[in-house]
PDBML (XML) file of the C-alpha atoms, coordinates in Angstrom:
<?xml version="1.0" encoding="UTF-8" ?>
<PDBx:datablock datablockName="MODEL"
   xmlns:PDBx="http://pdbml.pdb.org/schema/pdbx-v50.xsd"
   xmlns:xsi="http://www.w3.org/2001/XMLSchema-instance"
   xsi:schemaLocation="http://pdbml.pdb.org/schema/pdbx-v50.xsd pdbx-v50.xsd">
   <PDBx:atom_siteCategory>
      <PDBx:atom_site id="1">
         <PDBx:B_iso_or_equiv>0.00</PDBx:B_iso_or_equiv>
         <PDBx:Cartn_x>-6.795</PDBx:Cartn_x>
         <PDBx:Cartn_y>-8.327</PDBx:Cartn_y>
         <PDBx:Cartn_z>0.256</PDBx:Cartn_z>
         <PDBx:auth_asym_id>A</PDBx:auth_asym_id>
         <PDBx:auth_atom_id>CA</PDBx:auth_atom_id>
         <PDBx:auth_comp_id>GLN</PDBx:auth_comp_id>
         <PDBx:auth_seq_id>1</PDBx:auth_seq_id>
         <PDBx:group_PDB>ATOM</PDBx:group_PDB>
         <PDBx:label_alt_id xsi:nil="true" />
         <PDBx:label_asym_id>A</PDBx:label_asym_id>
         <PDBx:label_atom_id>CA</PDBx:label_atom_id>
         <PDBx:label_comp_id>GLN</PDBx:label_comp_id>
         <PDBx:label_entity_id>1</PDBx:label_entity_id>
         <PDBx:label_seq_id>1</PDBx:label_seq_id>
         <PDBx:occupancy>1.00</PDBx:occupancy>
         <PDBx:pdbx_PDB_model_num>1</PDBx:pdbx_PDB_model_num>
         <PDBx:type_symbol>C</PDBx:type_symbol>
      </PDBx:atom_site>
      <PDBx:atom_site id="2">
         <PDBx:B_iso_or_equiv>0.00</PDBx:B_iso_or_equiv>
         <PDBx:Cartn_x>-9.136</PDBx:Cartn_x>
         <PDBx:Cartn_y>-5.239</PDBx:Cartn_y>
         <PDBx:Cartn_z>-0.475</PDBx:Cartn_z>
         <PDBx:auth_asym_id>A</PDBx:auth_asym_id>
         <PDBx:auth_atom_id>CA</PDBx:auth_atom_id>
         <PDBx:auth_comp_id>MET</PDBx:auth_comp_id>
         <PDBx:auth_seq_id>2</PDBx:auth_seq_id>
         <PDBx:group_PDB>ATOM</PDBx:group_PDB>
         <PDBx:label_alt_id xsi:nil="true" />
         <PDBx:label_asym_id>A</PDBx:label_asym_id>
         <PDBx:label_atom_id>CA</PDBx:label_atom_id>
         <PDBx:label_comp_id>MET</PDBx:label_comp_id>
         <PDBx:label_entity_id>1</PDBx:label_entity_id>
         <PDBx:label_seq_id>2</PDBx:label_seq_id>
         <PDBx:occupancy>1.00</PDBx:occupancy>
         <PDBx:pdbx_PDB_model_num>1</PDBx:pdbx_PDB_model_num>
         <PDBx:type_symbol>C</PDBx:type_symbol>
      </PDBx:atom_site>
      <PDBx:atom_site id="3">
         <PDBx:B_iso_or_equiv>0.00</PDBx:B_iso_or_equiv>
         <PDBx:Cartn_x>-12.550</PDBx:Cartn_x>
         <PDBx:Cartn_y>-6.074</PDBx:Cartn_y>
         <PDBx:Cartn_z>-0.556</PDBx:Cartn_z>
         <PDBx:auth_asym_id>A</PDBx:auth_asym_id>
         <PDBx:auth_atom_id>CA</PDBx:auth_atom_id>
         <PDBx:auth_comp_id>ASN</PDBx:auth_comp_id>
         <PDBx:auth_seq_id>3</PDBx:auth_seq_id>
         <PDBx:group_PDB>ATOM</PDBx:group_PDB>
         <PDBx:label_alt_id xsi:nil="true" />
         <PDBx:label_asym_id>A</PDBx:label_asym_id>
         <PDBx:label_atom_id>CA</PDBx:label_atom_id>
         <PDBx:label_comp_id>ASN</PDBx:label_comp_id>
         <PDBx:label_entity_id>1</PDBx:label_entity_id>
         <PDBx:label_seq_id>3</PDBx:label_seq_id>
         <PDBx:occupancy>1.00</PDBx:occupancy>
         <PDBx:pdbx_PDB_model_num>1</PDBx:pdbx_PDB_model_num>
         <PDBx:type_symbol>C</PDBx:type_symbol>
      </PDBx:atom_site>
      <PDBx:atom_site id="4">
         <PDBx:B_iso_or_equiv>0.00</PDBx:B_iso_or_equiv>
         <PDBx:Cartn_x>-15.607</PDBx:Cartn_x>
         <PDBx:Cartn_y>-3.256</PDBx:Cartn_y>
         <PDBx:Cartn_z>-1.718</PDBx:Cartn_z>
         <PDBx:auth_asym_id>A</PDBx:auth_asym_id>
         <PDBx:auth_atom_id>CA</PDBx:auth_atom_id>
         <PDBx:auth_comp_id>SER</PDBx:auth_comp_id>
         <PDBx:auth_seq_id>4</PDBx:auth_seq_id>
         <PDBx:group_PDB>ATOM</PDBx:group_PDB>
         <PDBx:label_alt_id xsi:nil="true" />
         <PDBx:label_asym_id>A</PDBx:label_asym_id>
         <PDBx:label_atom_id>CA</PDBx:label_atom_id>
         <PDBx:label_comp_id>SER</PDBx:label_comp_id>
         <PDBx:label_entity_id>1</PDBx:label_entity_id>
         <PDBx:label_seq_id>4</PDBx:label_seq_id>
         <PDBx:occupancy>1.00</PDBx:occupancy>
         <PDBx:pdbx_PDB_model_num>1</PDBx:pdbx_PDB_model_num>
         <PDBx:type_symbol>C</PDBx:type_symbol>
      </PDBx:atom_site>
      <PDBx:atom_site id="5">
         <PDBx:B_iso_or_equiv>0.00</PDBx:B_iso_or_equiv>
         <PDBx:Cartn_x>-13.274</PDBx:Cartn_x>
         <PDBx:Cartn_y>-1.150</PDBx:Cartn_y>
         <PDBx:Cartn_z>-3.416</PDBx:Cartn_z>
         <PDBx:auth_asym_id>A</PDBx:auth_asym_id>
         <PDBx:auth_atom_id>CA</PDBx:auth_atom_id>
         <PDBx:auth_comp_id>LEU</PDBx:auth_comp_id>
         <PDBx:auth_seq_id>5</PDBx:auth_seq_id>
         <PDBx:group_PDB>ATOM</PDBx:group_PDB>
         <PDBx:label_alt_id xsi:nil="true" />
         <PDBx:label_asym_id>A</PDBx:label_asym_id>
         <PDBx:label_atom_id>CA</PDBx:label_atom_id>
         <PDBx:label_comp_id>LEU</PDBx:label_comp_id>
         <PDBx:label_entity_id>1</PDBx:label_entity_id>
         <PDBx:label_seq_id>5</PDBx:label_seq_id>
         <PDBx:occupancy>1.00</PDBx:occupancy>
         <PDBx:pdbx_PDB_model_num>1</PDBx:pdbx_PDB_model_num>
         <PDBx:type_symbol>C</PDBx:type_symbol>
      </PDBx:atom_site>
      <PDBx:atom_site id="6">
         <PDBx:B_iso_or_equiv>0.00</PDBx:B_iso_or_equiv>
         <PDBx:Cartn_x>-13.908</PDBx:Cartn_x>
         <PDBx:Cartn_y>2.349</PDBx:Cartn_y>
         <PDBx:Cartn_z>-4.646</PDBx:Cartn_z>
         <PDBx:auth_asym_id>A</PDBx:auth_asym_id>
         <PDBx:auth_atom_id>CA</PDBx:auth_atom_id>
         <PDBx:auth_comp_id>LYS</PDBx:auth_comp_id>
         <PDBx:auth_seq_id>6</PDBx:auth_seq_id>
         <PDBx:group_PDB>ATOM</PDBx:group_PDB>
         <PDBx:label_alt_id xsi:nil="true" />
         <PDBx:label_asym_id>A</PDBx:label_asym_id>
         <PDBx:label_atom_id>CA</PDBx:label_atom_id>
         <PDBx:label_comp_id>LYS</PDBx:label_comp_id>
         <PDBx:label_entity_id>1</PDBx:label_entity_id>
         <PDBx:label_seq_id>6</PDBx:label_seq_id>
         <PDBx:occupancy>1.00</PDBx:occupancy>
         <PDBx:pdbx_PDB_model_num>1</PDBx:pdbx_PDB_model_num>
         <PDBx:type_symbol>C</PDBx:type_symbol>
      </PDBx:atom_site>
      <PDBx:atom_site id="7">
         <PDBx:B_iso_or_equiv>0.00</PDBx:B_iso_or_equiv>
         <PDBx:Cartn_x>-12.870</PDBx:Cartn_x>
         <PDBx:Cartn_y>4.180</PDBx:Cartn_y>
         <PDBx:Cartn_z>-7.375</PDBx:Cartn_z>
         <PDBx:auth_asym_id>A</PDBx:auth_asym_id>
         <PDBx:auth_atom_id>CA</PDBx:auth_atom_id>
         <PDBx:auth_comp_id>PRO</PDBx:auth_comp_id>
         <PDBx:auth_seq_id>7</PDBx:auth_seq_id>
         <PDBx:group_PDB>ATOM</PDBx:group_PDB>
         <PDBx:label_alt_id xsi:nil="true" />
         <PDBx:label_asym_id>A</PDBx:label_asym_id>
         <PDBx:label_atom_id>CA</PDBx:label_atom_id>
         <PDBx:label_comp_id>PRO</PDBx:label_comp_id>
         <PDBx:label_entity_id>1</PDBx:label_entity_id>
         <PDBx:label_seq_id>7</PDBx:label_seq_id>
         <PDBx:occupancy>1.00</PDBx:occupancy>
         <PDBx:pdbx_PDB_model_num>1</PDBx:pdbx_PDB_model_num>
         <PDBx:type_symbol>C</PDBx:type_symbol>
      </PDBx:atom_site>
      <PDBx:atom_site id="8">
         <PDBx:B_iso_or_equiv>0.00</PDBx:B_iso_or_equiv>
         <PDBx:Cartn_x>-11.191</PDBx:Cartn_x>
         <PDBx:Cartn_y>6.158</PDBx:Cartn_y>
         <PDBx:Cartn_z>-4.769</PDBx:Cartn_z>
         <PDBx:auth_asym_id>A</PDBx:auth_asym_id>
         <PDBx:auth_atom_id>CA</PDBx:auth_atom_id>
         <PDBx:auth_comp_id>GLU</PDBx:auth_comp_id>
         <PDBx:auth_seq_id>8</PDBx:auth_seq_id>
         <PDBx:group_PDB>ATOM</PDBx:group_PDB>
         <PDBx:label_alt_id xsi:nil="true" />
         <PDBx:label_asym_id>A</PDBx:label_asym_id>
         <PDBx:label_atom_id>CA</PDBx:label_atom_id>
         <PDBx:label_comp_id>GLU</PDBx:label_comp_id>
         <PDBx:label_entity_id>1</PDBx:label_entity_id>
         <PDBx:label_seq_id>8</PDBx:label_seq_id>
         <PDBx:occupancy>1.00</PDBx:occupancy>
         <PDBx:pdbx_PDB_model_num>1</PDBx:pdbx_PDB_model_num>
         <PDBx:type_symbol>C</PDBx:type_symbol>
      </PDBx:atom_site>
      <PDBx:atom_site id="9">
         <PDBx:B_iso_or_equiv>0.00</PDBx:B_iso_or_equiv>
         <PDBx:Cartn_x>-9.118</PDBx:Cartn_x>
         <PDBx:Cartn_y>3.213</PDBx:Cartn_y>
         <PDBx:Cartn_z>-3.696</PDBx:Cartn_z>
         <PDBx:auth_asym_id>A</PDBx:auth_asym_id>
         <PDBx:auth_atom_id>CA</PDBx:auth_atom_id>
         <PDBx:auth_comp_id>ASP</PDBx:auth_comp_id>
         <PDBx:auth_seq_id>9</PDBx:auth_seq_id>
         <PDBx:group_PDB>ATOM</PDBx:group_PDB>
         <PDBx:label_alt_id xsi:nil="true" />
         <PDBx:label_asym_id>A</PDBx:label_asym_id>
         <PDBx:label_atom_id>CA</PDBx:label_atom_id>
         <PDBx:label_comp_id>ASP</PDBx:label_comp_id>
         <PDBx:label_entity_id>1</PDBx:label_entity_id>
         <PDBx:label_seq_id>9</PDBx:label_seq_id>
         <PDBx:occupancy>1.00</PDBx:occupancy>
         <PDBx:pdbx_PDB_model_num>1</PDBx:pdbx_PDB_model_num>
         <PDBx:type_symbol>C</PDBx:type_symbol>
      </PDBx:atom_site>
      <PDBx:atom_site id="10">
         <PDBx:B_iso_or_equiv>0.00</PDBx:B_iso_or_equiv>
         <PDBx:Cartn_x>-7.319</PDBx:Cartn_x>
         <PDBx:Cartn_y>3.957</PDBx:Cartn_y>
         <PDBx:Cartn_z>-6.680</PDBx:Cartn_z>
         <PDBx:auth_asym_id>A</PDBx:auth_asym_id>
         <PDBx:auth_atom_id>CA</PDBx:auth_atom_id>
         <PDBx:auth_comp_id>THR</PDBx:auth_comp_id>
         <PDBx:auth_seq_id>10</PDBx:auth_seq_id>
         <PDBx:group_PDB>ATOM</PDBx:group_PDB>
         <PDBx:label_alt_id xsi:nil="true" />
         <PDBx:label_asym_id>A</PDBx:label_asym_id>
         <PDBx:label_atom_id>CA</PDBx:label_atom_id>
         <PDBx:label_comp_id>THR</PDBx:label_comp_id>
         <PDBx:label_entity_id>1</PDBx:label_entity_id>
         <PDBx:label_seq_id>10</PDBx:label_seq_id>
         <PDBx:occupancy>1.00</PDBx:occupancy>
         <PDBx:pdbx_PDB_model_num>1</PDBx:pdbx_PDB_model_num>
         <PDBx:type_symbol>C</PDBx:type_symbol>
      </PDBx:atom_site>
      <PDBx:atom_site id="11">
         <PDBx:B_iso_or_equiv>0.00</PDBx:B_iso_or_equiv>
         <PDBx:Cartn_x>-3.687</PDBx:Cartn_x>
         <PDBx:Cartn_y>4.392</PDBx:Cartn_y>
         <PDBx:Cartn_z>-6.532</PDBx:Cartn_z>
         <PDBx:auth_asym_id>A</PDBx:auth_asym_id>
         <PDBx:auth_atom_id>CA</PDBx:auth_atom_id>
         <PDBx:auth_comp_id>ALA</PDBx:auth_comp_id>
         <PDBx:auth_seq_id>11</PDBx:auth_seq_id>
         <PDBx:group_PDB>ATOM</PDBx:group_PDB>
         <PDBx:label_alt_id xsi:nil="true" />
         <PDBx:label_asym_id>A</PDBx:label_asym_id>
         <PDBx:label_atom_id>CA</PDBx:label_atom_id>
         <PDBx:label_comp_id>ALA</PDBx:label_comp_id>
         <PDBx:label_entity_id>1</PDBx:label_entity_id>
         <PDBx:label_seq_id>11</PDBx:label_seq_id>
         <PDBx:occupancy>1.00</PDBx:occupancy>
         <PDBx:pdbx_PDB_model_num>1</PDBx:pdbx_PDB_model_num>
         <PDBx:type_symbol>C</PDBx:type_symbol>
      </PDBx:atom_site>
      <PDBx:atom_site id="12">
         <PDBx:B_iso_or_equiv>0.00</PDBx:B_iso_or_equiv>
         <PDBx:Cartn_x>-0.297</PDBx:Cartn_x>
         <PDBx:Cartn_y>3.005</PDBx:Cartn_y>
         <PDBx:Cartn_z>-7.162</PDBx:Cartn_z>
         <PDBx:auth_asym_id>A</PDBx:auth_asym_id>
         <PDBx:auth_atom_id>CA</PDBx:auth_atom_id>
         <PDBx:auth_comp_id>VAL</PDBx:auth_comp_id>
         <PDBx:auth_seq_id>12</PDBx:auth_seq_id>
         <PDBx:group_PDB>ATOM</PDBx:group_PDB>
         <PDBx:label_alt_id xsi:nil="true" />
         <PDBx:label_asym_id>A</PDBx:label_asym_id>
         <PDBx:label_atom_id>CA</PDBx:label_atom_id>
         <PDBx:label_comp_id>VAL</PDBx:label_comp_id>
         <PDBx:label_entity_id>1</PDBx:label_entity_id>
         <PDBx:label_seq_id>12</PDBx:label_seq_id>
         <PDBx:occupancy>1.00</PDBx:occupancy>
         <PDBx:pdbx_PDB_model_num>1</PDBx:pdbx_PDB_model_num>
         <PDBx:type_symbol>C</PDBx:type_symbol>
      </PDBx:atom_site>
      <PDBx:atom_site id="13">
         <PDBx:B_iso_or_equiv>0.00</PDBx:B_iso_or_equiv>
         <PDBx:Cartn_x>-0.141</PDBx:Cartn_x>
         <PDBx:Cartn_y>0.575</PDBx:Cartn_y>
         <PDBx:Cartn_z>-4.387</PDBx:Cartn_z>
         <PDBx:auth_asym_id>A</PDBx:auth_asym_id>
         <PDBx:auth_atom_id>CA</PDBx:auth_atom_id>
         <PDBx:auth_comp_id>TYR</PDBx:auth_comp_id>
         <PDBx:auth_seq_id>13</PDBx:auth_seq_id>
         <PDBx:group_PDB>ATOM</PDBx:group_PDB>
         <PDBx:label_alt_id xsi:nil="true" />
         <PDBx:label_asym_id>A</PDBx:label_asym_id>
         <PDBx:label_atom_id>CA</PDBx:label_atom_id>
         <PDBx:label_comp_id>TYR</PDBx:label_comp_id>
         <PDBx:label_entity_id>1</PDBx:label_entity_id>
         <PDBx:label_seq_id>13</PDBx:label_seq_id>
         <PDBx:occupancy>1.00</PDBx:occupancy>
         <PDBx:pdbx_PDB_model_num>1</PDBx:pdbx_PDB_model_num>
         <PDBx:type_symbol>C</PDBx:type_symbol>
      </PDBx:atom_site>
      <PDBx:atom_site id="14">
         <PDBx:B_iso_or_equiv>0.00</PDBx:B_iso_or_equiv>
         <PDBx:Cartn_x>3.637</PDBx:Cartn_x>
         <PDBx:Cartn_y>0.337</PDBx:Cartn_y>
         <PDBx:Cartn_z>-2.345</PDBx:Cartn_z>
         <PDBx:auth_asym_id>A</PDBx:auth_asym_id>
         <PDBx:auth_atom_id>CA</PDBx:auth_atom_id>
         <PDBx:auth_comp_id>TYR</PDBx:auth_comp_id>
         <PDBx:auth_seq_id>14</PDBx:auth_seq_id>
         <PDBx:group_PDB>ATOM</PDBx:group_PDB>
         <PDBx:label_alt_id xsi:nil="true" />
         <PDBx:label_asym_id>A</PDBx:label_asym_id>
         <PDBx:label_atom_id>CA</PDBx:label_atom_id>
         <PDBx:label_comp_id>TYR</PDBx:label_comp_id>
         <PDBx:label_entity_id>1</PDBx:label_entity_id>
         <PDBx:label_seq_id>14</PDBx:label_seq_id>
         <PDBx:occupancy>1.00</PDBx:occupancy>
         <PDBx:pdbx_PDB_model_num>1</PDBx:pdbx_PDB_model_num>
         <PDBx:type_symbol>C</PDBx:type_symbol>
      </PDBx:atom_site>
      <PDBx:atom_site id="15">
         <PDBx:B_iso_or_equiv>0.00</PDBx:B_iso_or_equiv>
         <PDBx:Cartn_x>5.143</PDBx:Cartn_x>
         <PDBx:Cartn_y>-1.773</PDBx:Cartn_y>
         <PDBx:Cartn_z>0.530</PDBx:Cartn_z>
         <PDBx:auth_asym_id>A</PDBx:auth_asym_id>
         <PDBx:auth_atom_id>CA</PDBx:auth_atom_id>
         <PDBx:auth_comp_id>CYS</PDBx:auth_comp_id>
         <PDBx:auth_seq_id>15</PDBx:auth_seq_id>
         <PDBx:group_PDB>ATOM</PDBx:group_PDB>
         <PDBx:label_alt_id xsi:nil="true" />
         <PDBx:label_asym_id>A</PDBx:label_asym_id>
         <PDBx:label_atom_id>CA</PDBx:label_atom_id>
         <PDBx:label_comp_id>CYS</PDBx:label_comp_id>
         <PDBx:label_entity_id>1</PDBx:label_entity_id>
         <PDBx:label_seq_id>15</PDBx:label_seq_id>
         <PDBx:occupancy>1.00</PDBx:occupancy>
         <PDBx:pdbx_PDB_model_num>1</PDBx:pdbx_PDB_model_num>
         <PDBx:type_symbol>C</PDBx:type_symbol>
      </PDBx:atom_site>
      <PDBx:atom_site id="16">
         <PDBx:B_iso_or_equiv>0.00</PDBx:B_iso_or_equiv>
         <PDBx:Cartn_x>6.937</PDBx:Cartn_x>
         <PDBx:Cartn_y>-0.799</PDBx:Cartn_y>
         <PDBx:Cartn_z>2.820</PDBx:Cartn_z>
         <PDBx:auth_asym_id>A</PDBx:auth_asym_id>
         <PDBx:auth_atom_id>CA</PDBx:auth_atom_id>
         <PDBx:auth_comp_id>ARG</PDBx:auth_comp_id>
         <PDBx:auth_seq_id>16</PDBx:auth_seq_id>
         <PDBx:group_PDB>ATOM</PDBx:group_PDB>
         <PDBx:label_alt_id xsi:nil="true" />
         <PDBx:label_asym_id>A</PDBx:label_asym_id>
         <PDBx:label_atom_id>CA</PDBx:label_atom_id>
         <PDBx:label_comp_id>ARG</PDBx:label_comp_id>
         <PDBx:label_entity_id>1</PDBx:label_entity_id>
         <PDBx:label_seq_id>16</PDBx:label_seq_id>
         <PDBx:occupancy>1.00</PDBx:occupancy>
         <PDBx:pdbx_PDB_model_num>1</PDBx:pdbx_PDB_model_num>
         <PDBx:type_symbol>C</PDBx:type_symbol>
      </PDBx:atom_site>
      <PDBx:atom_site id="17">
         <PDBx:B_iso_or_equiv>0.00</PDBx:B_iso_or_equiv>
         <PDBx:Cartn_x>9.476</PDBx:Cartn_x>
         <PDBx:Cartn_y>-2.765</PDBx:Cartn_y>
         <PDBx:Cartn_z>4.990</PDBx:Cartn_z>
         <PDBx:auth_asym_id>A</PDBx:auth_asym_id>
         <PDBx:auth_atom_id>CA</PDBx:auth_atom_id>
         <PDBx:auth_comp_id>SER</PDBx:auth_comp_id>
         <PDBx:auth_seq_id>17</PDBx:auth_seq_id>
         <PDBx:group_PDB>ATOM</PDBx:group_PDB>
         <PDBx:label_alt_id xsi:nil="true" />
         <PDBx:label_asym_id>A</PDBx:label_asym_id>
         <PDBx:label_atom_id>CA</PDBx:label_atom_id>
         <PDBx:label_comp_id>SER</PDBx:label_comp_id>
         <PDBx:label_entity_id>1</PDBx:label_entity_id>
         <PDBx:label_seq_id>17</PDBx:label_seq_id>
         <PDBx:occupancy>1.00</PDBx:occupancy>
         <PDBx:pdbx_PDB_model_num>1</PDBx:pdbx_PDB_model_num>
         <PDBx:type_symbol>C</PDBx:type_symbol>
      </PDBx:atom_site>
      <PDBx:atom_site id="18">
         <PDBx:B_iso_or_equiv>0.00</PDBx:B_iso_or_equiv>
         <PDBx:Cartn_x>10.984</PDBx:Cartn_x>
         <PDBx:Cartn_y>-1.024</PDBx:Cartn_y>
         <PDBx:Cartn_z>8.166</PDBx:Cartn_z>
         <PDBx:auth_asym_id>A</PDBx:auth_asym_id>
         <PDBx:auth_atom_id>CA</PDBx:auth_atom_id>
         <PDBx:auth_comp_id>SER</PDBx:auth_comp_id>
         <PDBx:auth_seq_id>18</PDBx:auth_seq_id>
         <PDBx:group_PDB>ATOM</PDBx:group_PDB>
         <PDBx:label_alt_id xsi:nil="true" />
         <PDBx:label_asym_id>A</PDBx:label_asym_id>
         <PDBx:label_atom_id>CA</PDBx:label_atom_id>
         <PDBx:label_comp_id>SER</PDBx:label_comp_id>
         <PDBx:label_entity_id>1</PDBx:label_entity_id>
         <PDBx:label_seq_id>18</PDBx:label_seq_id>
         <PDBx:occupancy>1.00</PDBx:occupancy>
         <PDBx:pdbx_PDB_model_num>1</PDBx:pdbx_PDB_model_num>
         <PDBx:type_symbol>C</PDBx:type_symbol>
      </PDBx:atom_site>
      <PDBx:atom_site id="19">
         <PDBx:B_iso_or_equiv>0.00</PDBx:B_iso_or_equiv>
         <PDBx:Cartn_x>13.358</PDBx:Cartn_x>
         <PDBx:Cartn_y>-2.602</PDBx:Cartn_y>
         <PDBx:Cartn_z>10.527</PDBx:Cartn_z>
         <PDBx:auth_asym_id>A</PDBx:auth_asym_id>
         <PDBx:auth_atom_id>CA</PDBx:auth_atom_id>
         <PDBx:auth_comp_id>LEU</PDBx:auth_comp_id>
         <PDBx:auth_seq_id>19</PDBx:auth_seq_id>
         <PDBx:group_PDB>ATOM</PDBx:group_PDB>
         <PDBx:label_alt_id xsi:nil="true" />
         <PDBx:label_asym_id>A</PDBx:label_asym_id>
         <PDBx:label_atom_id>CA</PDBx:label_atom_id>
         <PDBx:label_comp_id>LEU</PDBx:label_comp_id>
         <PDBx:label_entity_id>1</PDBx:label_entity_id>
         <PDBx:label_seq_id>19</PDBx:label_seq_id>
         <PDBx:occupancy>1.00</PDBx:occupancy>
         <PDBx:pdbx_PDB_model_num>1</PDBx:pdbx_PDB_model_num>
         <PDBx:type_symbol>C</PDBx:type_symbol>
      </PDBx:atom_site>
      <PDBx:atom_site id="20">
         <PDBx:B_iso_or_equiv>0.00</PDBx:B_iso_or_equiv>
         <PDBx:Cartn_x>15.133</PDBx:Cartn_x>
         <PDBx:Cartn_y>1.286</PDBx:Cartn_y>
         <PDBx:Cartn_z>11.773</PDBx:Cartn_z>
         <PDBx:auth_asym_id>A</PDBx:auth_asym_id>
         <PDBx:auth_atom_id>CA</PDBx:auth_atom_id>
         <PDBx:auth_comp_id>GLY</PDBx:auth_comp_id>
         <PDBx:auth_seq_id>20</PDBx:auth_seq_id>
         <PDBx:group_PDB>ATOM</PDBx:group_PDB>
         <PDBx:label_alt_id xsi:nil="true" />
         <PDBx:label_asym_id>A</PDBx:label_asym_id>
         <PDBx:label_atom_id>CA</PDBx:label_atom_id>
         <PDBx:label_comp_id>GLY</PDBx:label_comp_id>
         <PDBx:label_entity_id>1</PDBx:label_entity_id>
         <PDBx:label_seq_id>20</PDBx:label_seq_id>
         <PDBx:occupancy>1.00</PDBx:occupancy>
         <PDBx:pdbx_PDB_model_num>1</PDBx:pdbx_PDB_model_num>
         <PDBx:type_symbol>C</PDBx:type_symbol>
      </PDBx:atom_site>
      <PDBx:atom_site id="21">
         <PDBx:B_iso_or_equiv>0.00</PDBx:B_iso_or_equiv>
         <PDBx:Cartn_x>15.845</PDBx:Cartn_x>
         <PDBx:Cartn_y>1.020</PDBx:Cartn_y>
         <PDBx:Cartn_z>7.819</PDBx:Cartn_z>
         <PDBx:auth_asym_id>A</PDBx:auth_asym_id>
         <PDBx:auth_atom_id>CA</PDBx:auth_atom_id>
         <PDBx:auth_comp_id>THR</PDBx:auth_comp_id>
         <PDBx:auth_seq_id>21</PDBx:auth_seq_id>
         <PDBx:group_PDB>ATOM</PDBx:group_PDB>
         <PDBx:label_alt_id xsi:nil="true" />
         <PDBx:label_asym_id>A</PDBx:label_asym_id>
         <PDBx:label_atom_id>CA</PDBx:label_atom_id>
         <PDBx:label_comp_id>THR</PDBx:label_comp_id>
         <PDBx:label_entity_id>1</PDBx:label_entity_id>
         <PDBx:label_seq_id>21</PDBx:label_seq_id>
         <PDBx:occupancy>1.00</PDBx:occupancy>
         <PDBx:pdbx_PDB_model_num>1</PDBx:pdbx_PDB_model_num>
         <PDBx:type_symbol>C</PDBx:type_symbol>
      </PDBx:atom_site>
      <PDBx:atom_site id="22">
         <PDBx:B_iso_or_equiv>0.00</PDBx:B_iso_or_equiv>
         <PDBx:Cartn_x>13.230</PDBx:Cartn_x>
         <PDBx:Cartn_y>1.792</PDBx:Cartn_y>
         <PDBx:Cartn_z>5.336</PDBx:Cartn_z>
         <PDBx:auth_asym_id>A</PDBx:auth_asym_id>
         <PDBx:auth_atom_id>CA</PDBx:auth_atom_id>
         <PDBx:auth_comp_id>VAL</PDBx:auth_comp_id>
         <PDBx:auth_seq_id>22</PDBx:auth_seq_id>
         <PDBx:group_PDB>ATOM</PDBx:group_PDB>
         <PDBx:label_alt_id xsi:nil="true" />
         <PDBx:label_asym_id>A</PDBx:label_asym_id>
         <PDBx:label_atom_id>CA</PDBx:label_atom_id>
         <PDBx:label_comp_id>VAL</PDBx:label_comp_id>
         <PDBx:label_entity_id>1</PDBx:label_entity_id>
         <PDBx:label_seq_id>22</PDBx:label_seq_id>
         <PDBx:occupancy>1.00</PDBx:occupancy>
         <PDBx:pdbx_PDB_model_num>1</PDBx:pdbx_PDB_model_num>
         <PDBx:type_symbol>C</PDBx:type_symbol>
      </PDBx:atom_site>
      <PDBx:atom_site id="23">
         <PDBx:B_iso_or_equiv>0.00</PDBx:B_iso_or_equiv>
         <PDBx:Cartn_x>12.466</PDBx:Cartn_x>
         <PDBx:Cartn_y>0.342</PDBx:Cartn_y>
         <PDBx:Cartn_z>1.810</PDBx:Cartn_z>
         <PDBx:auth_asym_id>A</PDBx:auth_asym_id>
         <PDBx:auth_atom_id>CA</PDBx:auth_atom_id>
         <PDBx:auth_comp_id>ARG</PDBx:auth_comp_id>
         <PDBx:auth_seq_id>23</PDBx:auth_seq_id>
         <PDBx:group_PDB>ATOM</PDBx:group_PDB>
         <PDBx:label_alt_id xsi:nil="true" />
         <PDBx:label_asym_id>A</PDBx:label_asym_id>
         <PDBx:label_atom_id>CA</PDBx:label_atom_id>
         <PDBx:label_comp_id>ARG</PDBx:label_comp_id>
         <PDBx:label_entity_id>1</PDBx:label_entity_id>
         <PDBx:label_seq_id>23</PDBx:label_seq_id>
         <PDBx:occupancy>1.00</PDBx:occupancy>
         <PDBx:pdbx_PDB_model_num>1</PDBx:pdbx_PDB_model_num>
         <PDBx:type_symbol>C</PDBx:type_symbol>
      </PDBx:atom_site>
      <PDBx:atom_site id="24">
         <PDBx:B_iso_or_equiv>0.00</PDBx:B_iso_or_equiv>
         <PDBx:Cartn_x>9.686</PDBx:Cartn_x>
         <PDBx:Cartn_y>0.405</PDBx:Cartn_y>
         <PDBx:Cartn_z>-0.270</PDBx:Cartn_z>
         <PDBx:auth_asym_id>A</PDBx:auth_asym_id>
         <PDBx:auth_atom_id>CA</PDBx:auth_atom_id>
         <PDBx:auth_comp_id>TRP</PDBx:auth_comp_id>
         <PDBx:auth_seq_id>24</PDBx:auth_seq_id>
         <PDBx:group_PDB>ATOM</PDBx:group_PDB>
         <PDBx:label_alt_id xsi:nil="true" />
         <PDBx:label_asym_id>A</PDBx:label_asym_id>
         <PDBx:label_atom_id>CA</PDBx:label_atom_id>
         <PDBx:label_comp_id>TRP</PDBx:label_comp_id>
         <PDBx:label_entity_id>1</PDBx:label_entity_id>
         <PDBx:label_seq_id>24</PDBx:label_seq_id>
         <PDBx:occupancy>1.00</PDBx:occupancy>
         <PDBx:pdbx_PDB_model_num>1</PDBx:pdbx_PDB_model_num>
         <PDBx:type_symbol>C</PDBx:type_symbol>
      </PDBx:atom_site>
   </PDBx:atom_siteCategory>
</PDBx:datablock>
């Protein structure tokens, strides 16, 4: 949940999982 968004928050957002191995 992203509130009070600013121009500097502009980006591609990635989800990451980690349990030994990392996935994106």
